[in-house]
N, C-alpha and C. Protein backbone atom coordinates (compact mmCIF):
# COMPACT_ATOMS: atom_id res chain seq x y z
N MET A 1 -17.48 -15.64 -20.33
CA MET A 1 -17.04 -15.90 -18.87
C MET A 1 -17.84 -16.53 -17.83
N ASP A 2 -17.03 -17.47 -17.20
CA ASP A 2 -18.07 -17.78 -15.91
C ASP A 2 -17.93 -17.29 -14.87
N VAL A 3 -18.47 -17.68 -13.71
CA VAL A 3 -18.50 -16.87 -12.80
C VAL A 3 -17.44 -17.02 -11.84
N LEU A 4 -16.47 -17.93 -11.98
CA LEU A 4 -15.15 -17.78 -11.42
C LEU A 4 -14.27 -16.47 -12.00
N GLN A 5 -14.21 -16.81 -13.20
CA GLN A 5 -13.46 -15.34 -14.03
C GLN A 5 -13.95 -14.04 -13.40
N ILE A 6 -15.38 -13.90 -13.63
CA ILE A 6 -15.91 -12.67 -13.16
C ILE A 6 -15.47 -12.16 -12.04
N SER A 7 -15.94 -12.93 -10.74
CA SER A 7 -15.53 -12.87 -9.59
C SER A 7 -13.91 -12.67 -9.31
N ILE A 8 -13.00 -13.19 -10.26
CA ILE A 8 -11.74 -12.72 -9.98
C ILE A 8 -11.28 -11.35 -10.63
N ALA A 9 -12.37 -10.98 -11.61
CA ALA A 9 -11.96 -9.60 -12.35
C ALA A 9 -12.67 -8.90 -11.57
N ALA A 10 -13.60 -9.10 -10.62
CA ALA A 10 -14.39 -7.63 -9.60
C ALA A 10 -13.49 -7.73 -8.28
N MET A 11 -12.34 -8.55 -8.30
CA MET A 11 -11.60 -8.54 -7.10
C MET A 11 -11.00 -7.22 -6.84
N PRO A 12 -10.78 -6.29 -7.56
CA PRO A 12 -10.53 -5.14 -7.11
C PRO A 12 -11.06 -4.11 -6.67
N PHE A 13 -12.47 -4.28 -7.32
CA PHE A 13 -13.58 -3.42 -6.71
C PHE A 13 -14.07 -3.89 -5.39
N LEU A 14 -14.54 -5.36 -5.21
CA LEU A 14 -14.67 -5.82 -4.15
C LEU A 14 -13.64 -5.50 -2.48
N LEU A 15 -12.51 -5.27 -3.14
CA LEU A 15 -11.30 -4.97 -2.20
C LEU A 15 -11.32 -3.41 -2.04
N SER A 16 -11.65 -2.93 -2.70
CA SER A 16 -11.77 -1.50 -2.58
C SER A 16 -12.87 -0.87 -1.55
N LEU A 17 -13.99 -1.72 -1.42
CA LEU A 17 -14.94 -1.37 -0.82
C LEU A 17 -14.62 -1.83 1.04
N ALA A 18 -13.73 -2.29 1.04
CA ALA A 18 -13.05 -2.38 2.20
C ALA A 18 -12.12 -1.26 2.76
N SER A 19 -11.86 -0.35 1.76
CA SER A 19 -11.20 0.68 2.18
C SER A 19 -12.04 2.02 2.77
N ARG A 20 -11.36 2.88 3.69
CA ARG A 20 -12.38 3.69 4.16
C ARG A 20 -12.99 4.92 3.16
N THR A 21 -11.85 5.44 2.10
CA THR A 21 -12.15 6.34 1.38
C THR A 21 -13.27 5.99 -0.06
N ALA A 22 -13.90 6.74 -0.32
CA ALA A 22 -15.04 6.70 -1.45
C ALA A 22 -14.25 6.96 -2.44
N LYS A 23 -12.96 7.29 -2.89
CA LYS A 23 -12.58 7.85 -3.66
C LYS A 23 -11.90 6.95 -4.59
N VAL A 24 -11.78 5.56 -3.92
CA VAL A 24 -10.85 4.88 -4.55
C VAL A 24 -12.36 3.65 -5.21
N ILE A 25 -13.23 3.55 -4.93
CA ILE A 25 -14.14 2.77 -5.48
C ILE A 25 -14.34 3.36 -7.03
N ALA A 26 -14.55 4.28 -7.45
CA ALA A 26 -15.04 4.36 -8.66
C ALA A 26 -13.68 4.06 -9.93
N PRO A 27 -12.44 4.10 -9.39
CA PRO A 27 -11.18 3.83 -10.19
C PRO A 27 -11.07 2.07 -10.44
N CYS A 28 -11.46 1.75 -9.26
CA CYS A 28 -11.47 0.04 -9.09
C CYS A 28 -12.69 -0.54 -9.79
N LEU A 29 -13.41 0.08 -9.67
CA LEU A 29 -14.56 -0.45 -10.58
C LEU A 29 -14.85 -0.29 -11.85
N LEU A 30 -13.76 0.89 -12.37
CA LEU A 30 -13.69 1.05 -13.89
C LEU A 30 -12.44 0.01 -14.11
N ALA A 31 -11.57 -0.45 -13.38
CA ALA A 31 -10.60 -1.10 -13.63
C ALA A 31 -11.09 -2.69 -13.81
N SER A 32 -11.99 -2.76 -13.18
CA SER A 32 -12.84 -4.40 -13.08
C SER A 32 -13.63 -4.35 -14.34
N ILE A 33 -14.28 -3.22 -14.61
CA ILE A 33 -15.17 -3.54 -15.95
C ILE A 33 -14.17 -3.59 -17.13
N VAL A 34 -12.84 -2.68 -17.21
CA VAL A 34 -12.22 -2.86 -18.28
C VAL A 34 -11.57 -4.20 -18.37
N THR A 35 -11.33 -4.98 -17.27
CA THR A 35 -10.88 -6.40 -17.25
C THR A 35 -11.92 -7.19 -18.04
N VAL A 36 -13.10 -6.96 -17.54
CA VAL A 36 -13.91 -8.07 -18.09
C VAL A 36 -14.22 -7.67 -19.47
N SER A 37 -14.10 -6.55 -20.14
CA SER A 37 -14.46 -6.11 -21.33
C SER A 37 -13.08 -6.50 -22.33
N PHE A 38 -12.05 -6.55 -21.74
CA PHE A 38 -10.67 -6.98 -22.10
C PHE A 38 -10.42 -8.44 -22.24
N SER A 39 -11.38 -9.19 -21.97
CA SER A 39 -11.47 -10.81 -21.27
C SER A 39 -10.65 -11.47 -22.53
N ASP A 40 -10.67 -10.88 -24.06
CA ASP A 40 -10.58 -11.54 -24.89
C ASP A 40 -9.23 -11.55 -25.34
N GLU A 41 -8.52 -10.40 -24.55
CA GLU A 41 -7.11 -9.81 -24.92
C GLU A 41 -6.38 -10.27 -23.62
N PRO A 42 -5.90 -11.29 -23.03
CA PRO A 42 -5.04 -11.55 -21.97
C PRO A 42 -4.52 -10.70 -21.24
N HIS A 43 -3.36 -10.26 -22.48
CA HIS A 43 -2.59 -9.13 -21.88
C HIS A 43 -2.94 -7.62 -21.01
N ARG A 44 -3.97 -7.17 -22.12
CA ARG A 44 -4.70 -6.16 -21.41
C ARG A 44 -5.20 -6.36 -20.19
N ALA A 45 -6.02 -7.53 -20.22
CA ALA A 45 -6.97 -7.55 -19.17
C ALA A 45 -6.30 -7.68 -17.87
N VAL A 46 -5.04 -8.55 -17.88
CA VAL A 46 -4.17 -8.52 -16.83
C VAL A 46 -3.53 -7.07 -16.39
N MET A 47 -3.43 -6.72 -17.49
CA MET A 47 -2.93 -5.04 -17.17
C MET A 47 -3.68 -4.24 -16.44
N ALA A 48 -5.14 -4.20 -16.72
CA ALA A 48 -5.94 -3.45 -16.05
C ALA A 48 -6.42 -4.14 -14.59
N TRP A 49 -6.30 -5.38 -14.43
CA TRP A 49 -6.44 -6.12 -13.16
C TRP A 49 -5.76 -5.35 -12.03
N CYS A 50 -4.21 -6.00 -12.50
CA CYS A 50 -2.85 -5.66 -11.77
C CYS A 50 -3.30 -4.20 -11.35
N VAL A 51 -3.46 -3.04 -12.18
CA VAL A 51 -3.44 -1.70 -11.88
C VAL A 51 -4.94 -1.45 -10.88
N GLY A 52 -5.92 -2.22 -10.84
CA GLY A 52 -6.94 -2.06 -9.91
C GLY A 52 -6.86 -2.56 -8.39
N ILE A 53 -6.17 -3.87 -8.95
CA ILE A 53 -5.42 -4.61 -7.39
C ILE A 53 -4.68 -3.62 -6.55
N LEU A 54 -3.67 -3.00 -7.14
CA LEU A 54 -2.96 -1.94 -6.94
C LEU A 54 -3.38 -1.08 -6.06
N ILE A 55 -4.02 -0.34 -6.87
CA ILE A 55 -5.00 1.17 -6.00
C ILE A 55 -5.61 0.80 -4.86
N ALA A 56 -6.39 -0.66 -5.36
CA ALA A 56 -7.42 -0.85 -3.83
C ALA A 56 -6.32 -1.56 -2.58
N ALA A 57 -5.12 -2.27 -2.87
CA ALA A 57 -4.29 -2.57 -1.83
C ALA A 57 -3.58 -1.46 -1.08
N VAL A 58 -3.01 -0.35 -2.17
CA VAL A 58 -3.06 0.55 -1.35
C VAL A 58 -3.85 1.54 -0.42
N ALA A 59 -5.00 1.78 -0.92
CA ALA A 59 -6.08 2.28 -0.07
C ALA A 59 -6.56 1.13 1.18
N LEU A 60 -6.49 -0.19 0.88
CA LEU A 60 -6.73 -0.71 2.02
C LEU A 60 -5.50 -1.00 3.27
N ARG A 61 -4.25 -0.52 2.65
CA ARG A 61 -3.01 -0.59 3.50
C ARG A 61 -3.09 0.91 4.16
N GLU A 62 -3.78 1.58 4.01
CA GLU A 62 -4.01 3.12 4.54
C GLU A 62 -4.75 3.07 5.46
N ARG A 63 -5.95 2.29 4.96
CA ARG A 63 -7.06 2.17 6.36
C ARG A 63 -6.55 1.10 7.31
N LEU A 64 -5.69 0.42 6.94
CA LEU A 64 -5.25 -0.66 8.32
C LEU A 64 -4.11 0.33 9.03
N ARG A 65 -3.61 1.02 8.55
CA ARG A 65 -2.49 1.60 8.81
C ARG A 65 -3.10 2.78 10.15
N THR A 66 -3.92 3.03 9.82
CA THR A 66 -4.65 4.32 10.44
C THR A 66 -5.54 3.68 12.04
N LEU A 67 -5.64 2.50 12.02
CA LEU A 67 -6.29 1.58 13.03
C LEU A 67 -5.57 1.54 14.14
């Protein structure tokens, strides 16, 4: 994997850092790690990445909604 693929795989974790709750960071980090480890099987990697993005997006939306 090159740097671009790893940065895309780490996007759920990086997005979760912008959320207010710390409970979101661990599942998104786990989703990013699973995405990198499943990089040989694209369908599984995409599913893990989508779940991580979904968790991070909901947490970020909640943070923006409380502002």
